N, C-alpha and C. Protein backbone atom coordinates (compact mmCIF):
# COMPACT_ATOMS: atom_id res chain seq x y z
N MET A 1 0.82 -1.26 0.08
CA MET A 1 -0.05 -0.04 0.01
C MET A 1 0.76 1.16 -0.02
N LYS A 2 1.86 1.35 0.81
CA LYS A 2 2.95 2.38 0.91
C LYS A 2 3.30 2.84 -0.43
N SER A 3 3.73 1.45 -1.32
CA SER A 3 4.22 1.71 -2.66
C SER A 3 3.15 2.52 -3.67
N LEU A 4 2.29 2.16 -3.40
CA LEU A 4 0.68 2.46 -4.33
C LEU A 4 0.88 3.92 -3.95
N LYS A 5 0.91 4.49 -2.57
CA LYS A 5 0.64 5.81 -2.50
C LYS A 5 1.63 6.75 -2.59
N ASN A 6 2.75 6.05 -2.72
CA ASN A 6 3.88 6.85 -3.04
C ASN A 6 3.97 7.16 -4.55
N SER A 7 3.68 6.34 -5.30
CA SER A 7 3.62 6.18 -6.46
C SER A 7 2.45 7.30 -7.47
N LEU A 8 1.58 6.98 -6.53
CA LEU A 8 0.21 8.22 -6.86
C LEU A 8 0.58 9.49 -6.56
N SER A 9 1.13 9.70 -5.46
CA SER A 9 1.72 11.11 -4.83
C SER A 9 2.75 11.70 -5.64
N LYS A 10 3.55 10.81 -6.33
CA LYS A 10 4.45 10.96 -7.37
C LYS A 10 4.00 11.69 -8.76
N GLU A 11 2.74 10.68 -9.22
CA GLU A 11 1.87 10.82 -10.46
C GLU A 11 1.41 12.48 -10.00
N LEU A 12 0.56 12.71 -9.05
CA LEU A 12 -0.27 13.72 -8.73
C LEU A 12 0.64 14.89 -8.53
N ARG A 13 2.17 14.97 -8.18
CA ARG A 13 2.94 16.24 -8.13
C ARG A 13 3.47 16.50 -9.33
N SER A 14 3.37 15.61 -10.48
CA SER A 14 4.00 15.93 -11.79
C SER A 14 2.66 16.55 -12.39
N LEU A 15 1.46 16.36 -12.00
CA LEU A 15 0.37 16.99 -12.62
C LEU A 15 0.25 18.33 -11.77
N ASN A 16 0.93 18.86 -10.99
CA ASN A 16 0.90 19.71 -10.02
C ASN A 16 -0.18 19.91 -9.12
N VAL A 17 -0.76 18.72 -8.68
CA VAL A 17 -1.81 18.64 -7.73
C VAL A 17 -1.09 18.80 -6.31
N ARG A 18 -1.47 19.82 -5.69
CA ARG A 18 -0.68 20.05 -4.37
C ARG A 18 -1.04 19.03 -3.15
N ALA A 19 0.16 18.97 -2.27
CA ALA A 19 -0.37 17.83 -1.23
C ALA A 19 -1.19 18.71 -0.24
N PRO A 20 -1.60 18.00 0.79
CA PRO A 20 -1.82 16.53 0.82
C PRO A 20 -2.40 15.89 -0.03
N HIS A 21 -1.79 14.57 -0.36
CA HIS A 21 -2.97 13.60 -0.87
C HIS A 21 -3.61 12.63 -0.32
N TRP A 22 -3.17 12.45 0.98
CA TRP A 22 -3.83 11.45 1.81
C TRP A 22 -4.16 12.13 3.30
N GLN A 23 -5.10 11.41 3.63
CA GLN A 23 -6.02 11.99 5.02
C GLN A 23 -4.84 11.84 6.09
N LYS A 24 -4.46 12.44 6.76
CA LYS A 24 -3.66 12.29 7.91
C LYS A 24 -4.23 11.55 9.09
N GLY A 25 -3.54 10.53 9.42
CA GLY A 25 -4.29 9.87 10.49
C GLY A 25 -5.00 8.46 10.02
N PHE A 26 -5.00 8.43 8.87
CA PHE A 26 -5.63 7.20 8.26
C PHE A 26 -4.69 6.08 8.11
N PHE A 27 -5.10 4.74 8.18
CA PHE A 27 -4.62 3.72 8.26
C PHE A 27 -5.10 2.61 7.50
N ASP A 28 -4.45 1.79 6.84
CA ASP A 28 -5.07 0.72 5.98
C ASP A 28 -5.48 -0.38 6.86
N HIS A 29 -6.61 -0.91 7.01
CA HIS A 29 -6.65 -2.49 7.50
C HIS A 29 -6.95 -3.52 6.64
N VAL A 30 -6.29 -4.82 7.15
CA VAL A 30 -6.34 -6.03 6.37
C VAL A 30 -7.84 -6.64 7.18
N LEU A 31 -8.53 -6.78 6.30
CA LEU A 31 -9.92 -7.64 6.78
C LEU A 31 -9.37 -9.05 6.83
N ARG A 32 -9.53 -9.68 8.08
CA ARG A 32 -9.12 -10.93 8.13
C ARG A 32 -9.86 -12.26 8.33
N SER A 33 -11.21 -11.84 8.37
CA SER A 33 -12.55 -12.47 8.65
C SER A 33 -13.58 -11.89 7.93
N SER A 34 -14.60 -12.71 7.95
CA SER A 34 -15.84 -12.26 7.55
C SER A 34 -16.52 -11.24 8.49
N GLU A 35 -16.21 -11.72 9.69
CA GLU A 35 -16.81 -10.80 10.99
C GLU A 35 -15.98 -9.64 11.00
N SER A 36 -14.91 -9.39 10.58
CA SER A 36 -14.17 -8.16 10.42
C SER A 36 -14.85 -7.54 9.37
N TYR A 37 -15.05 -8.05 8.41
CA TYR A 37 -15.52 -7.15 7.12
C TYR A 37 -17.01 -7.04 7.50
N SER A 38 -17.74 -7.55 8.15
CA SER A 38 -18.77 -7.01 8.51
C SER A 38 -19.05 -5.93 9.70
N GLN A 39 -18.05 -5.95 10.47
CA GLN A 39 -17.88 -4.88 11.32
C GLN A 39 -17.58 -3.61 10.77
N LYS A 40 -16.55 -3.72 9.78
CA LYS A 40 -15.96 -2.62 9.04
C LYS A 40 -16.99 -1.95 8.27
N TRP A 41 -17.87 -2.66 7.43
CA TRP A 41 -18.97 -2.22 6.79
C TRP A 41 -19.90 -1.40 7.57
N GLU A 42 -20.27 -2.18 8.45
CA GLU A 42 -21.31 -1.09 9.49
C GLU A 42 -20.76 0.07 10.04
N TYR A 43 -19.38 0.10 10.34
CA TYR A 43 -18.81 1.34 10.75
C TYR A 43 -18.59 2.39 9.51
N VAL A 44 -18.41 2.20 8.45
CA VAL A 44 -18.44 2.94 7.09
C VAL A 44 -19.99 3.38 6.97
N ARG A 45 -20.92 2.42 6.85
CA ARG A 45 -22.30 2.58 6.37
C ARG A 45 -22.68 3.58 7.83
N GLU A 46 -22.44 3.58 8.79
CA GLU A 46 -23.01 4.71 9.77
C GLU A 46 -22.24 5.94 10.17
N ASN A 47 -21.35 6.24 9.20
CA ASN A 47 -20.78 7.47 9.13
C ASN A 47 -21.64 8.55 8.88
N PRO A 48 -22.51 8.52 7.92
CA PRO A 48 -23.42 9.95 7.71
C PRO A 48 -24.17 10.12 9.13
N VAL A 49 -24.80 9.08 9.91
CA VAL A 49 -25.26 9.19 10.97
C VAL A 49 -24.52 9.81 12.36
N ARG A 50 -23.27 9.13 12.51
CA ARG A 50 -22.58 9.95 13.66
C ARG A 50 -22.24 11.30 13.01
N ALA A 51 -22.00 11.59 12.06
CA ALA A 51 -21.74 12.98 11.45
C ALA A 51 -23.11 13.99 11.52
N ARG A 52 -24.22 13.24 12.11
CA ARG A 52 -25.52 13.98 11.88
C ARG A 52 -25.92 14.53 10.68
N LEU A 53 -25.69 13.66 9.55
CA LEU A 53 -26.26 14.22 8.23
C LEU A 53 -27.33 13.40 7.64
N ALA A 54 -27.91 12.35 8.43
CA ALA A 54 -29.01 11.77 8.26
C ALA A 54 -29.24 10.78 9.68
N LYS A 55 -30.51 10.88 9.82
CA LYS A 55 -31.04 9.84 11.10
C LYS A 55 -30.74 8.47 10.93
N SER A 56 -30.47 7.90 9.71
CA SER A 56 -30.25 6.53 9.77
C SER A 56 -29.52 6.22 8.28
N TRP A 57 -28.66 4.85 8.48
CA TRP A 57 -27.95 5.13 7.20
C TRP A 57 -28.72 4.93 5.63
N GLU A 58 -30.01 4.43 6.33
CA GLU A 58 -30.67 4.13 4.91
C GLU A 58 -31.48 5.72 4.24
N GLU A 59 -31.39 6.58 5.05
CA GLU A 59 -31.79 8.00 4.41
C GLU A 59 -30.58 8.52 3.50
N TRP A 60 -29.44 8.03 3.81
CA TRP A 60 -28.38 8.59 3.13
C TRP A 60 -28.28 8.54 1.62
N PRO A 61 -28.23 9.37 0.93
CA PRO A 61 -28.64 9.28 -0.60
C PRO A 61 -27.34 9.03 -1.15
N PHE A 62 -26.11 9.02 -0.76
CA PHE A 62 -24.84 9.05 -1.38
C PHE A 62 -24.08 7.64 -0.97
N SER A 63 -24.65 6.70 -0.52
CA SER A 63 -24.16 5.35 -0.01
C SER A 63 -23.53 4.84 -1.13
N GLY A 64 -24.01 4.61 -2.37
CA GLY A 64 -23.56 4.18 -3.57
C GLY A 64 -23.79 2.77 -3.79
N GLU A 65 -23.42 1.68 -4.44
CA GLU A 65 -23.46 0.47 -4.56
C GLU A 65 -22.68 -0.15 -4.08
N VAL A 66 -22.85 -1.46 -3.03
CA VAL A 66 -22.12 -2.14 -2.43
C VAL A 66 -22.02 -3.45 -2.87
N PHE A 67 -20.69 -4.05 -3.29
CA PHE A 67 -20.69 -5.47 -3.59
C PHE A 67 -20.22 -6.35 -2.43
N ARG A 68 -21.06 -7.37 -2.33
CA ARG A 68 -20.52 -8.22 -1.31
C ARG A 68 -19.11 -8.83 -1.45
N LEU A 69 -18.43 -8.93 -0.73
CA LEU A 69 -16.96 -9.57 -0.86
C LEU A 69 -16.95 -11.02 -0.30
N GLU A 70 -16.41 -11.78 -0.96
CA GLU A 70 -16.61 -13.16 -0.69
C GLU A 70 -15.11 -13.39 0.06
N TYR A 71 -15.43 -13.79 1.37
CA TYR A 71 -13.96 -14.07 2.50
C TYR A 71 -13.59 -15.43 2.23
N ARG A 72 -12.01 -15.59 1.87
CA ARG A 72 -11.80 -16.79 1.44
C ARG A 72 -10.55 -17.18 2.92
N GLU A 73 -10.36 -18.39 3.17
CA GLU A 73 -9.21 -18.68 4.20
C GLU A 73 -8.13 -19.18 3.61
């Protein structure tokens, strides 16, 4: 992930896109189980509710389309 971010930042700088390119304090999280996936998805889905942009996640019009990921060990 670090290499990908470095490559993308280099390309963005070459296009005169000013930094920062990445959110400070953000970290990548490896999903290790179907339970972990469910927990992370629930957290993301509730973001607009925590930000008081919607009363429930179902009301948020910008959720987009979600594709279920298959967890394999």
